[in-house]
Amino acid sequence: MVQALARLARKKTLRVAGLMSGTSADGVSAAICDIGPRGLGVRAFRTYPYSGELRARIFRLFEPRTSRVDDLCHLNFALGEVFAAALARLAKESRVPLRSIDLIGSHGQTIQHLPAGVRFCGRLLRSTLQIGEPCVIAERTGIATVADFRPRDVAAGGQGAPLVPFADRFLFRDRKKRRAVQNVGGIANVTYLPPGPPFTANRQPVTDNRLLAFDTGPGNMVIDRLAWRATGGRRSFDAGGRLAARGTIDARLLAELMCHPFLARRPPKSTGREQFGVHFADELWRRGRRQRLGPEDLLATATAFTARSIADAYARFLPGPVDEVVLCGGGARNRTLLGMLRAELPRRTKLVPPERFGVTAESREAVCFAILAWATLKGLAGNVPAATGARQPVVLGKIVPA
């Protein structure tokens, strides 16, 4: 077993699959990549939506009042089956032989992420939990699987997030331009890449304390919930931002939302459903209705909240204006959000699509976890302490052999 992994690690070019389910819990994103001395090439990518029943059961796990330990146990294995099936389906549809894949990196599905920590036996302990049993994935596919990336960083004193900066440096860094890689998923997060040599697969990256990454605040999570409420459950998101485009931003409510304490906290910092999830969105809905705001006005205000909190984070915490913002995640398809973000950012800052760098807005995170799995197999530290707050760089994840 050890010898097989060692032989795999010595390969110059590896074919690695990345599997990801984000805070919106809308499905499995699967990518197949070739990583080697010539860089990275994405061979295939698709997202496979969860069934309505499975998504509802996952959402019950998010909420302590409805979560049950037997459901948690069952869904850990059930999601392992779903993740494995997603990769097998992608391989078949893209005509990439499953047996040609050397390694899988699976992020899993985050159920709880508690970066602020809880007191236990006189100590402050941070914790995080992702499910989607990697033993099931390895058994069904016959491919060595790396999973549970976040806990090692947490054990090293970090917040376990964000982890994508390692891969962002691989994909997006420029020798002259200052770039921000902005993901707008359920939560919005940014990686700031100062000018410098891009990281290549044939050498160990040099630690760069100028690199920053942190969660900026809400992304699509609040918008999605308000769209669900505004349509009586008929829609789970505001496609293209069309509902928000018909509304009017309430300036007073937006100013109040911008006083949320998370926005003022200095990095390293991360957040999630615990702060900007269902409870936050439902309270915002009730508050708006009390103020006689229409559903579309509430959606416009929530969309503006995401855009302004991103721009505010740049102004507060980045070392200076950026030349380009690479916009990733589902929010990159929300035209109303894009227009609001352009209006909030300095005029000199350009929004550029990730397709220019060989990935799509939706595939970037799955590709990132393929890169992190590659790094784990190679024995490279995959966290960036300047981003997570960890005491030192550490190799991430647990390897389940084929």
Protein backbone atom coordinates (compact mmCIF):
# COMPACT_ATOMS: atom_id res chain seq x y z
CA MET A 1 0.00 0.00 0.00
CA VAL A 2 2.71 2.48 1.03
CA GLN A 3 4.81 1.47 -1.95
CA ALA A 4 1.85 1.98 -4.31
CA LEU A 5 1.29 5.51 -2.98
CA ALA A 6 5.02 6.23 -3.24
CA ARG A 7 5.04 5.11 -6.89
CA LEU A 8 2.02 7.32 -7.54
CA ALA A 9 3.72 10.31 -5.90
CA ARG A 10 6.74 9.91 -8.19
CA LYS A 11 4.68 10.31 -11.37
CA LYS A 12 5.48 13.60 -13.10
CA THR A 13 1.92 14.10 -14.33
CA LEU A 14 -1.07 12.96 -12.33
CA ARG A 15 -4.71 12.76 -13.35
CA VAL A 16 -6.66 13.99 -10.33
CA ALA A 17 -10.40 14.36 -9.75
CA GLY A 18 -11.78 17.04 -7.45
CA LEU A 19 -15.19 16.66 -5.77
CA MET A 20 -16.91 19.54 -4.02
CA SER A 21 -20.24 20.44 -2.43
CA GLY A 22 -20.45 23.98 -1.12
CA THR A 23 -22.41 25.81 1.54
CA SER A 24 -25.42 26.09 -0.78
CA ALA A 25 -25.60 22.26 -0.81
CA ASP A 26 -27.12 22.15 -4.26
CA GLY A 27 -25.10 19.28 -5.71
CA VAL A 28 -21.73 17.66 -6.36
CA SER A 29 -19.26 19.53 -8.55
CA ALA A 30 -16.78 17.12 -10.15
CA ALA A 31 -13.65 17.99 -12.12
CA ILE A 32 -10.99 15.81 -13.76
CA CYS A 33 -7.60 17.51 -14.18
CA ASP A 34 -4.12 16.67 -15.42
CA ILE A 35 -1.44 18.24 -13.19
CA GLY A 36 2.21 18.18 -14.14
CA PRO A 37 5.30 20.19 -15.14
CA ARG A 38 3.38 21.87 -17.98
CA GLY A 39 0.76 23.15 -15.59
CA LEU A 40 -2.87 22.16 -15.16
CA GLY A 41 -5.43 21.15 -17.74
CA VAL A 42 -9.10 20.57 -16.95
CA ARG A 43 -10.28 17.52 -18.87
CA ALA A 44 -13.90 17.56 -17.71
CA PHE A 45 -16.25 19.31 -15.31
CA ARG A 46 -19.93 19.06 -14.41
CA THR A 47 -22.22 19.69 -11.46
CA TYR A 48 -24.77 17.02 -10.59
CA PRO A 49 -27.69 18.44 -8.54
CA TYR A 50 -28.92 16.72 -5.39
CA SER A 51 -32.47 15.42 -5.41
CA GLY A 52 -34.94 17.57 -3.51
CA GLU A 53 -35.27 14.92 -0.80
CA LEU A 54 -31.50 14.59 -0.28
CA ARG A 55 -31.02 18.35 -0.17
CA ALA A 56 -33.79 18.69 2.41
CA ARG A 57 -32.18 16.01 4.58
CA ILE A 58 -28.79 17.75 4.37
CA PHE A 59 -30.38 21.03 5.40
CA ARG A 60 -31.93 19.34 8.44
CA LEU A 61 -28.41 18.39 9.51
CA PHE A 62 -27.33 22.03 9.38
CA GLU A 63 -29.82 22.97 12.09
CA PRO A 64 -29.07 21.67 15.63
CA ARG A 65 -32.80 21.60 16.44
CA THR A 66 -33.56 19.19 13.59
CA SER A 67 -30.29 17.26 13.28
CA ARG A 68 -30.13 13.66 14.50
CA VAL A 69 -27.03 11.56 15.04
CA ASP A 70 -28.49 8.58 13.15
CA ASP A 71 -29.19 10.82 10.13
CA LEU A 72 -25.64 12.16 10.34
CA CYS A 73 -24.25 8.62 10.37
CA HIS A 74 -26.41 7.53 7.44
CA LEU A 75 -25.88 10.61 5.27
CA ASN A 76 -22.11 10.42 5.73
CA PHE A 77 -22.18 7.11 3.85
CA ALA A 78 -25.01 8.12 1.51
CA LEU A 79 -23.06 11.17 0.33
CA GLY A 80 -20.00 8.99 -0.19
CA GLU A 81 -22.11 6.96 -2.61
CA VAL A 82 -23.41 10.14 -4.30
CA PHE A 83 -19.90 11.59 -4.69
CA ALA A 84 -18.54 8.34 -6.13
CA ALA A 85 -21.46 8.06 -8.54
CA ALA A 86 -20.94 11.67 -9.68
CA LEU A 87 -17.32 10.98 -10.61
CA ALA A 88 -18.19 7.73 -12.38
CA ARG A 89 -20.88 9.55 -14.36
CA LEU A 90 -18.52 12.40 -15.29
CA ALA A 91 -15.88 9.95 -16.47
CA LYS A 92 -18.42 8.13 -18.63
CA GLU A 93 -19.99 11.28 -20.09
CA SER A 94 -16.62 12.88 -20.87
CA ARG A 95 -15.10 9.64 -22.18
CA VAL A 96 -12.24 9.78 -19.69
CA PRO A 97 -11.63 6.21 -18.48
CA LEU A 98 -12.23 5.99 -14.74
CA ARG A 99 -9.17 3.73 -14.41
CA SER A 100 -6.99 6.52 -15.88
CA ILE A 101 -7.62 8.69 -12.79
CA ASP A 102 -4.74 8.42 -10.30
CA LEU A 103 -6.19 10.27 -7.32
CA ILE A 104 -9.37 11.86 -5.95
CA GLY A 105 -9.61 14.93 -3.72
CA SER A 106 -13.00 15.17 -2.00
CA HIS A 107 -13.96 18.20 0.04
CA GLY A 108 -17.21 16.58 1.16
CA GLN A 109 -20.20 18.51 2.49
CA THR A 110 -19.64 20.85 5.42
CA ILE A 111 -22.22 20.27 8.15
CA GLN A 112 -20.78 22.51 10.88
CA HIS A 113 -17.86 24.91 10.83
CA LEU A 114 -17.05 26.55 14.19
CA PRO A 115 -13.89 28.64 13.65
CA ALA A 116 -14.56 30.89 16.64
CA GLY A 117 -14.28 27.85 18.91
CA VAL A 118 -16.11 26.59 21.99
CA ARG A 119 -14.71 26.27 25.53
CA PHE A 120 -13.93 22.68 26.51
CA CYS A 121 -12.07 21.70 29.69
CA GLY A 122 -10.73 25.20 30.05
CA ARG A 123 -9.49 25.42 26.45
CA LEU A 124 -10.88 27.13 23.38
CA LEU A 125 -11.32 24.43 20.72
CA ARG A 126 -12.13 25.21 17.10
CA SER A 127 -13.82 22.49 15.06
CA THR A 128 -15.19 21.66 11.64
CA LEU A 129 -17.09 18.71 10.17
CA GLN A 130 -17.40 17.57 6.56
CA ILE A 131 -19.23 14.37 5.56
CA GLY A 132 -19.20 12.18 2.44
CA GLU A 133 -17.32 9.07 3.56
CA PRO A 134 -14.04 8.82 1.57
CA CYS A 135 -13.77 5.07 2.25
CA VAL A 136 -16.95 4.63 0.21
CA ILE A 137 -15.54 6.78 -2.61
CA ALA A 138 -12.29 4.80 -2.72
CA GLU A 139 -14.14 1.48 -2.57
CA ARG A 140 -16.62 2.32 -5.34
CA THR A 141 -14.08 3.87 -7.70
CA GLY A 142 -10.97 1.86 -6.92
CA ILE A 143 -9.02 5.15 -6.71
CA ALA A 144 -6.95 6.48 -3.79
CA THR A 145 -8.94 9.27 -2.15
CA VAL A 146 -7.81 12.27 -0.11
CA ALA A 147 -10.46 13.89 2.12
CA ASP A 148 -10.91 15.78 5.41
CA PHE A 149 -8.67 18.64 4.35
CA ARG A 150 -9.82 21.20 6.91
CA PRO A 151 -9.24 19.46 10.30
CA ARG A 152 -5.43 19.40 10.10
CA ASP A 153 -5.29 23.18 9.70
CA VAL A 154 -7.71 23.54 12.63
CA ALA A 155 -5.50 21.23 14.73
CA ALA A 156 -2.56 23.51 13.86
CA GLY A 157 -4.39 26.51 15.30
CA GLY A 158 -6.02 27.72 12.09
CA GLN A 159 -9.63 28.25 11.12
CA GLY A 160 -9.63 25.47 8.53
CA ALA A 161 -10.58 28.03 5.92
CA PRO A 162 -10.02 29.33 3.40
CA LEU A 163 -8.00 26.53 1.80
CA VAL A 164 -8.24 27.58 -1.84
CA PRO A 165 -5.34 30.13 -1.72
CA PHE A 166 -2.78 27.36 -2.32
CA ALA A 167 -4.53 26.47 -5.57
CA ASP A 168 -5.35 30.08 -6.48
CA ARG A 169 -1.63 30.83 -6.53
CA PHE A 170 -1.22 27.87 -8.91
CA LEU A 171 -4.01 29.08 -11.21
CA PHE A 172 -4.12 32.86 -11.14
CA ARG A 173 -0.94 34.56 -9.93
CA ASP A 174 0.75 37.12 -12.20
CA ARG A 175 4.27 38.50 -12.12
CA LYS A 176 3.11 42.14 -12.34
CA LYS A 177 -0.60 42.43 -11.57
CA ARG A 178 -2.28 42.47 -8.17
CA ARG A 179 -5.25 40.13 -8.36
CA ALA A 180 -8.17 39.28 -6.10
CA VAL A 181 -9.81 35.93 -6.73
CA GLN A 182 -13.35 36.43 -5.49
CA ASN A 183 -15.57 33.42 -4.96
CA VAL A 184 -19.28 34.06 -4.50
CA GLY A 185 -20.76 30.78 -3.37
CA GLY A 186 -23.05 30.45 -0.38
CA ILE A 187 -20.42 32.50 1.44
CA ALA A 188 -18.14 34.98 -0.33
CA ASN A 189 -14.38 34.69 0.08
CA VAL A 190 -11.37 36.36 -1.45
CA THR A 191 -7.76 35.42 -2.15
CA TYR A 192 -5.41 38.39 -2.62
CA LEU A 193 -2.46 37.51 -4.86
CA PRO A 194 0.39 40.05 -4.83
CA PRO A 195 2.65 40.13 -7.89
CA GLY A 196 5.12 37.29 -7.99
CA PRO A 197 6.20 34.13 -9.77
CA PRO A 198 3.39 31.65 -10.27
CA PHE A 199 3.65 28.33 -8.46
CA THR A 200 4.47 25.43 -10.76
CA ALA A 201 4.07 21.70 -10.21
CA ASN A 202 7.81 20.97 -10.33
CA ARG A 203 8.88 22.93 -7.28
CA GLN A 204 7.85 23.55 -3.67
CA PRO A 205 6.07 26.91 -3.31
CA VAL A 206 7.79 29.55 -1.23
CA THR A 207 5.80 30.81 1.74
CA ASP A 208 4.57 34.33 0.98
CA ASN A 209 3.13 36.23 3.93
CA ARG A 210 1.85 38.95 1.59
CA LEU A 211 -0.81 36.55 0.33
CA LEU A 212 -4.14 37.08 2.08
CA ALA A 213 -7.39 35.12 2.02
CA PHE A 214 -10.53 35.32 4.11
CA ASP A 215 -14.31 35.19 3.99
CA THR A 216 -15.71 38.60 3.10
CA GLY A 217 -19.24 37.78 4.32
CA PRO A 218 -22.47 36.62 2.70
CA GLY A 219 -22.51 35.35 -0.87
CA ASN A 220 -25.57 33.68 -2.37
CA MET A 221 -26.88 32.07 0.81
CA VAL A 222 -29.05 34.96 1.96
CA ILE A 223 -30.16 35.77 -1.60
CA ASP A 224 -31.14 32.12 -2.20
CA ARG A 225 -33.27 31.94 0.93
CA LEU A 226 -35.05 35.21 0.16
CA ALA A 227 -35.72 34.02 -3.41
CA TRP A 228 -37.24 30.83 -1.96
CA ARG A 229 -39.47 32.86 0.36
CA ALA A 230 -40.38 35.42 -2.29
CA THR A 231 -41.56 32.71 -4.69
CA GLY A 232 -43.34 30.54 -2.15
CA GLY A 233 -40.72 27.82 -2.51
CA ARG A 234 -40.92 27.62 -6.31
CA ARG A 235 -37.34 28.86 -6.80
CA SER A 236 -34.25 28.05 -4.78
CA PHE A 237 -32.18 30.96 -6.17
CA ASP A 238 -32.55 34.24 -8.06
CA ALA A 239 -31.51 33.15 -11.57
CA GLY A 240 -29.42 35.87 -13.18
CA GLY A 241 -30.48 38.30 -10.45
CA ARG A 242 -33.72 38.97 -12.34
CA LEU A 243 -35.89 39.33 -9.22
CA ALA A 244 -33.42 41.70 -7.56
CA ALA A 245 -33.19 43.75 -10.77
CA ARG A 246 -36.89 44.59 -10.42
CA GLY A 247 -36.48 45.83 -6.86
CA THR A 248 -35.17 49.00 -5.22
CA ILE A 249 -32.34 48.95 -2.67
CA ASP A 250 -33.40 50.18 0.77
CA ALA A 251 -30.44 52.39 1.76
CA ARG A 252 -31.27 52.43 5.48
CA LEU A 253 -31.59 48.66 5.76
CA LEU A 254 -28.40 48.18 3.73
CA ALA A 255 -26.51 50.51 6.08
CA GLU A 256 -27.77 48.51 9.06
CA LEU A 257 -26.69 45.22 7.48
CA MET A 258 -23.22 46.65 6.89
CA CYS A 259 -22.87 47.04 10.67
CA HIS A 260 -22.71 43.26 11.12
CA PRO A 261 -19.75 42.59 13.44
CA PHE A 262 -18.21 39.92 11.19
CA LEU A 263 -17.49 42.52 8.51
CA ALA A 264 -15.32 44.60 10.85
CA ARG A 265 -13.34 41.66 12.23
CA ARG A 266 -9.78 41.51 10.94
CA PRO A 267 -8.52 38.46 9.02
CA PRO A 268 -7.83 35.62 9.37
CA LYS A 269 -11.54 34.96 9.57
CA SER A 270 -14.13 32.60 8.16
CA THR A 271 -17.86 32.27 8.49
CA GLY A 272 -20.70 30.14 7.24
CA ARG A 273 -24.29 29.10 7.63
CA GLU A 274 -24.05 29.66 11.39
CA GLN A 275 -23.94 33.47 10.86
CA PHE A 276 -25.47 34.04 7.42
CA GLY A 277 -27.78 31.08 7.03
CA VAL A 278 -31.51 30.45 7.32
CA HIS A 279 -31.94 32.25 10.66
CA PHE A 280 -30.26 35.41 9.38
CA ALA A 281 -32.23 35.40 6.11
CA ASP A 282 -35.58 34.67 7.77
CA GLU A 283 -35.08 37.46 10.26
CA LEU A 284 -34.18 39.79 7.38
CA TRP A 285 -37.39 38.71 5.61
CA ARG A 286 -39.53 39.44 8.69
CA ARG A 287 -37.77 42.74 9.22
CA GLY A 288 -38.35 43.80 5.63
CA ARG A 289 -42.01 42.84 5.74
CA ARG A 290 -42.48 44.87 8.93
CA GLN A 291 -41.01 47.84 7.05
CA ARG A 292 -43.42 47.13 4.15
CA LEU A 293 -40.61 46.31 1.73
CA GLY A 294 -41.65 44.23 -1.24
CA PRO A 295 -39.95 40.85 -1.86
CA GLU A 296 -38.04 42.22 -4.84
CA ASP A 297 -36.83 45.21 -2.82
CA LEU A 298 -35.56 42.82 -0.15
CA LEU A 299 -33.74 40.78 -2.77
CA ALA A 300 -32.20 43.92 -4.26
CA THR A 301 -31.01 44.99 -0.81
CA ALA A 302 -29.59 41.55 0.02
CA THR A 303 -27.76 41.46 -3.32
CA ALA A 304 -26.35 44.91 -2.64
CA PHE A 305 -25.26 43.67 0.80
CA THR A 306 -23.15 40.94 -0.81
CA ALA A 307 -21.62 43.39 -3.32
CA ARG A 308 -20.89 46.11 -0.78
CA SER A 309 -19.47 43.75 1.83
CA ILE A 310 -17.01 42.44 -0.77
CA ALA A 311 -15.87 45.94 -1.77
CA ASP A 312 -15.75 47.00 1.89
CA ALA A 313 -13.50 44.05 2.74
CA TYR A 314 -11.09 45.08 -0.01
CA ALA A 315 -10.96 48.66 1.25
CA ARG A 316 -10.47 47.61 4.88
CA PHE A 317 -8.10 44.68 4.65
CA LEU A 318 -6.25 44.46 1.32
CA PRO A 319 -2.91 46.30 1.15
CA GLY A 320 -4.09 48.45 -1.76
CA PRO A 321 -6.30 48.56 -4.86
CA VAL A 322 -6.20 45.48 -7.07
CA ASP A 323 -5.75 45.53 -10.82
CA GLU A 324 -8.12 42.63 -11.53
CA VAL A 325 -10.84 40.69 -9.76
CA VAL A 326 -11.31 37.11 -11.00
CA LEU A 327 -14.94 36.36 -10.18
CA CYS A 328 -15.82 32.73 -9.47
CA GLY A 329 -18.69 30.74 -8.02
CA GLY A 330 -22.38 30.75 -8.81
CA GLY A 331 -22.62 34.46 -8.07
CA ALA A 332 -20.57 35.16 -11.21
CA ARG A 333 -23.74 34.33 -13.19
CA ASN A 334 -25.85 36.87 -11.28
CA ARG A 335 -25.86 39.90 -13.61
CA THR A 336 -27.45 42.17 -11.02
CA LEU A 337 -24.76 41.30 -8.49
CA LEU A 338 -22.03 41.90 -11.08
CA GLY A 339 -23.42 45.34 -11.89
CA MET A 340 -23.59 46.26 -8.21
CA LEU A 341 -20.05 45.01 -7.60
CA ARG A 342 -18.68 47.03 -10.53
CA ALA A 343 -20.33 50.12 -9.06
CA GLU A 344 -18.79 49.49 -5.62
CA LEU A 345 -15.21 48.81 -6.75
CA PRO A 346 -12.70 51.48 -7.85
CA ARG A 347 -12.92 52.39 -11.54
CA ARG A 348 -9.39 51.13 -12.24
CA THR A 349 -10.27 47.59 -11.06
CA LYS A 350 -11.35 45.21 -13.83
CA LEU A 351 -13.60 42.18 -13.44
CA VAL A 352 -12.18 39.30 -15.45
CA PRO A 353 -13.64 35.83 -16.07
CA PRO A 354 -11.76 32.74 -14.80
CA GLU A 355 -12.14 31.18 -18.25
CA ARG A 356 -9.12 33.25 -19.24
CA PHE A 357 -7.07 30.99 -16.96
CA GLY A 358 -8.50 27.65 -18.08
CA VAL A 359 -11.22 27.18 -15.46
CA THR A 360 -14.84 28.27 -15.24
CA ALA A 361 -16.59 30.24 -12.52
CA GLU A 362 -18.29 27.06 -11.33
CA SER A 363 -15.33 24.64 -11.64
CA ARG A 364 -12.71 26.58 -9.70
CA GLU A 365 -13.41 25.05 -6.27
CA ALA A 366 -13.55 21.45 -7.51
CA VAL A 367 -10.31 22.07 -9.39
CA CYS A 368 -8.80 23.55 -6.22
CA PHE A 369 -9.46 20.36 -4.26
CA ALA A 370 -7.90 18.31 -7.03
CA ILE A 371 -4.79 20.48 -6.63
CA LEU A 372 -4.87 20.11 -2.83
CA ALA A 373 -5.09 16.31 -3.16
CA TRP A 374 -2.10 16.41 -5.53
CA ALA A 375 -0.18 18.45 -2.94
CA THR A 376 -1.03 16.00 -0.16
CA LEU A 377 0.24 13.05 -2.19
CA LYS A 378 3.44 14.98 -2.97
CA GLY A 379 3.94 15.80 0.72
CA LEU A 380 3.46 19.54 0.23
CA ALA A 381 1.79 21.76 2.82
CA GLY A 382 -1.57 22.81 1.40
CA ASN A 383 -2.60 25.49 3.87
CA VAL A 384 -1.49 29.12 3.83
CA PRO A 385 -1.01 30.21 7.48
CA ALA A 386 -1.35 33.90 6.55
CA ALA A 387 -4.88 33.05 5.39
CA THR A 388 -6.06 30.54 8.00
CA GLY A 389 -4.13 31.69 11.06
CA ALA A 390 -2.42 28.32 11.55
CA ARG A 391 0.84 28.23 13.46
CA GLN A 392 2.71 26.66 10.55
CA PRO A 393 2.23 25.11 7.11
CA VAL A 394 0.91 21.54 7.30
CA VAL A 395 0.12 18.72 4.89
CA LEU A 396 -3.68 18.48 4.68
CA GLY A 397 -6.08 15.58 4.48
CA LYS A 398 -6.30 11.86 5.07
CA ILE A 399 -5.45 9.36 2.35
CA VAL A 400 -7.64 6.31 1.80
CA PRO A 401 -5.69 3.93 -0.45
CA ALA A 402 -7.28 2.38 -3.53
